[in-house]
Amino acid sequence: MPKVEFVHIENVVASVTLDQRIDLEKVARSILNVEYDPEQFPGLVYRLEKPKTATLIFSSGKMVCS
């Protein structure tokens, strides 16, 4: 078996489910760096520069961050 010299992580994904609904319109008005166009995509996209991440937030309370 070949020896592994190093490991390089390309992507990490985390998900969470809150036990409540989220008012995406209100969030979009309250936070910078948010994209929300419900006619194009049902979730809100929240982007950070450092660390460079994007979080998808859905009105159901589900969130996915990568």
N, C-alpha and C. Protein backbone atom coordinates (compact mmCIF):
# COMPACT_ATOMS: atom_id res chain seq x y z
N MET A 1 0.85 -1.17 0.00
CA MET A 1 0.00 0.00 0.00
C MET A 1 0.90 1.24 0.00
N PRO A 2 0.58 2.25 -0.87
CA PRO A 2 1.43 3.44 -0.95
C PRO A 2 1.32 4.30 0.32
N LYS A 3 2.41 4.93 0.65
CA LYS A 3 2.46 5.82 1.82
C LYS A 3 1.81 7.16 1.47
N VAL A 4 0.94 7.67 2.34
CA VAL A 4 0.29 8.96 2.12
C VAL A 4 1.21 10.04 2.67
N GLU A 5 1.60 10.98 1.83
CA GLU A 5 2.52 12.04 2.22
C GLU A 5 1.81 13.19 2.94
N PHE A 6 0.60 13.54 2.49
CA PHE A 6 -0.15 14.64 3.09
C PHE A 6 -1.63 14.49 2.76
N VAL A 7 -2.42 15.17 3.52
CA VAL A 7 -3.86 15.19 3.28
C VAL A 7 -4.25 16.63 3.00
N HIS A 8 -5.01 16.84 1.96
CA HIS A 8 -5.49 18.18 1.59
C HIS A 8 -7.01 18.15 1.60
N ILE A 9 -7.62 18.90 2.51
CA ILE A 9 -9.08 18.94 2.60
C ILE A 9 -9.59 19.98 1.62
N GLU A 10 -10.47 19.57 0.72
CA GLU A 10 -11.02 20.45 -0.30
C GLU A 10 -12.29 21.15 0.15
N ASN A 11 -13.15 20.42 0.85
CA ASN A 11 -14.45 20.98 1.18
C ASN A 11 -15.00 20.29 2.43
N VAL A 12 -15.64 21.08 3.26
CA VAL A 12 -16.30 20.55 4.45
C VAL A 12 -17.73 21.07 4.41
N VAL A 13 -18.68 20.21 4.68
CA VAL A 13 -20.09 20.60 4.67
C VAL A 13 -20.69 20.30 6.03
N ALA A 14 -21.43 21.28 6.55
CA ALA A 14 -22.13 21.10 7.82
C ALA A 14 -23.61 21.41 7.60
N SER A 15 -24.47 20.71 8.31
CA SER A 15 -25.89 20.98 8.19
C SER A 15 -26.51 21.02 9.58
N VAL A 16 -27.59 21.77 9.68
CA VAL A 16 -28.30 21.91 10.95
C VAL A 16 -29.78 22.06 10.65
N THR A 17 -30.60 21.59 11.56
CA THR A 17 -32.03 21.80 11.46
C THR A 17 -32.50 22.45 12.75
N LEU A 18 -33.02 23.66 12.64
CA LEU A 18 -33.57 24.36 13.79
C LEU A 18 -34.99 23.89 14.01
N ASP A 19 -35.46 23.96 15.21
CA ASP A 19 -36.82 23.54 15.53
C ASP A 19 -37.78 24.72 15.43
N GLN A 20 -37.62 25.52 14.36
CA GLN A 20 -38.53 26.65 14.13
C GLN A 20 -38.39 27.11 12.70
N ARG A 21 -39.39 27.82 12.23
CA ARG A 21 -39.37 28.37 10.88
C ARG A 21 -38.60 29.69 10.90
N ILE A 22 -38.05 30.08 9.75
CA ILE A 22 -37.26 31.30 9.63
C ILE A 22 -37.92 32.21 8.61
N ASP A 23 -38.10 33.48 8.97
CA ASP A 23 -38.65 34.49 8.06
C ASP A 23 -37.50 35.00 7.19
N LEU A 24 -37.35 34.45 6.00
CA LEU A 24 -36.23 34.77 5.13
C LEU A 24 -36.26 36.22 4.66
N GLU A 25 -37.43 36.78 4.46
CA GLU A 25 -37.54 38.20 4.07
C GLU A 25 -36.93 39.08 5.14
N LYS A 26 -37.24 38.79 6.40
CA LYS A 26 -36.73 39.57 7.52
C LYS A 26 -35.21 39.42 7.64
N VAL A 27 -34.72 38.21 7.48
CA VAL A 27 -33.28 37.97 7.54
C VAL A 27 -32.57 38.73 6.41
N ALA A 28 -33.13 38.69 5.21
CA ALA A 28 -32.52 39.35 4.06
C ALA A 28 -32.44 40.86 4.27
N ARG A 29 -33.39 41.44 4.97
CA ARG A 29 -33.37 42.88 5.25
C ARG A 29 -32.40 43.23 6.38
N SER A 30 -32.07 42.27 7.22
CA SER A 30 -31.31 42.54 8.44
C SER A 30 -29.81 42.27 8.34
N ILE A 31 -29.38 41.46 7.38
CA ILE A 31 -27.98 41.01 7.33
C ILE A 31 -27.36 41.37 5.98
N LEU A 32 -26.09 41.81 6.05
CA LEU A 32 -25.34 42.08 4.82
C LEU A 32 -24.86 40.77 4.20
N ASN A 33 -24.44 40.84 2.95
CA ASN A 33 -23.88 39.69 2.22
C ASN A 33 -24.88 38.55 2.05
N VAL A 34 -26.14 38.91 1.85
CA VAL A 34 -27.21 37.92 1.69
C VAL A 34 -27.81 38.04 0.29
N GLU A 35 -28.05 36.90 -0.32
CA GLU A 35 -28.75 36.86 -1.61
C GLU A 35 -30.06 36.12 -1.38
N TYR A 36 -31.15 36.77 -1.75
CA TYR A 36 -32.45 36.10 -1.59
C TYR A 36 -33.37 36.52 -2.72
N ASP A 37 -33.69 35.58 -3.59
CA ASP A 37 -34.62 35.78 -4.69
C ASP A 37 -35.49 34.53 -4.76
N PRO A 38 -36.60 34.52 -4.01
CA PRO A 38 -37.42 33.32 -3.92
C PRO A 38 -37.99 32.82 -5.24
N GLU A 39 -38.03 33.68 -6.26
CA GLU A 39 -38.50 33.22 -7.57
C GLU A 39 -37.44 32.36 -8.26
N GLN A 40 -36.16 32.55 -7.89
CA GLN A 40 -35.07 31.78 -8.50
C GLN A 40 -34.66 30.57 -7.67
N PHE A 41 -34.70 30.73 -6.32
CA PHE A 41 -34.23 29.67 -5.42
C PHE A 41 -34.96 29.84 -4.09
N PRO A 42 -35.46 28.77 -3.49
CA PRO A 42 -36.27 28.90 -2.27
C PRO A 42 -35.49 29.25 -1.01
N GLY A 43 -34.16 29.21 -1.09
CA GLY A 43 -33.36 29.50 0.10
C GLY A 43 -32.63 30.82 -0.02
N LEU A 44 -32.16 31.27 1.12
CA LEU A 44 -31.36 32.48 1.22
C LEU A 44 -29.89 32.04 1.24
N VAL A 45 -29.02 32.78 0.55
CA VAL A 45 -27.60 32.46 0.53
C VAL A 45 -26.86 33.54 1.32
N TYR A 46 -26.17 33.11 2.37
CA TYR A 46 -25.40 34.01 3.22
C TYR A 46 -23.93 33.71 3.03
N ARG A 47 -23.17 34.70 2.55
CA ARG A 47 -21.75 34.48 2.25
C ARG A 47 -20.86 35.26 3.22
N LEU A 48 -19.77 34.60 3.62
CA LEU A 48 -18.73 35.23 4.42
C LEU A 48 -17.43 35.23 3.63
N GLU A 49 -16.60 36.24 3.84
CA GLU A 49 -15.30 36.31 3.18
C GLU A 49 -14.25 35.50 3.95
N LYS A 50 -14.25 35.63 5.29
CA LYS A 50 -13.29 34.92 6.13
C LYS A 50 -14.02 34.27 7.29
N PRO A 51 -14.05 33.00 7.39
CA PRO A 51 -13.59 32.07 6.37
C PRO A 51 -14.53 32.11 5.17
N LYS A 52 -14.02 31.79 4.01
CA LYS A 52 -14.82 31.85 2.79
C LYS A 52 -15.84 30.71 2.81
N THR A 53 -17.07 31.07 3.14
CA THR A 53 -18.14 30.07 3.25
C THR A 53 -19.42 30.63 2.66
N ALA A 54 -20.31 29.73 2.35
CA ALA A 54 -21.67 30.10 1.94
C ALA A 54 -22.62 29.20 2.72
N THR A 55 -23.63 29.82 3.29
CA THR A 55 -24.64 29.06 4.03
C THR A 55 -25.98 29.22 3.33
N LEU A 56 -26.61 28.11 3.03
CA LEU A 56 -27.97 28.12 2.49
C LEU A 56 -28.92 28.02 3.67
N ILE A 57 -29.85 28.96 3.75
CA ILE A 57 -30.81 28.98 4.85
C ILE A 57 -32.21 28.86 4.25
N PHE A 58 -32.99 27.93 4.77
CA PHE A 58 -34.34 27.70 4.25
C PHE A 58 -35.37 28.07 5.31
N SER A 59 -36.54 28.47 4.88
CA SER A 59 -37.60 28.88 5.81
C SER A 59 -38.02 27.76 6.75
N SER A 60 -37.75 26.52 6.38
CA SER A 60 -38.10 25.37 7.21
C SER A 60 -37.22 25.28 8.46
N GLY A 61 -36.13 26.04 8.50
CA GLY A 61 -35.19 25.97 9.60
C GLY A 61 -33.96 25.15 9.26
N LYS A 62 -33.91 24.61 8.06
CA LYS A 62 -32.74 23.83 7.66
C LYS A 62 -31.66 24.77 7.10
N MET A 63 -30.39 24.45 7.42
CA MET A 63 -29.26 25.23 6.92
C MET A 63 -28.14 24.27 6.49
N VAL A 64 -27.45 24.65 5.42
CA VAL A 64 -26.32 23.88 4.93
C VAL A 64 -25.18 24.87 4.69
N CYS A 65 -24.03 24.60 5.28
CA CYS A 65 -22.88 25.47 5.15
C CYS A 65 -21.73 24.71 4.51
N SER A 66 -21.11 25.34 3.52
CA SER A 66 -19.92 24.73 2.90
C SER A 66 -18.89 25.78 2.61
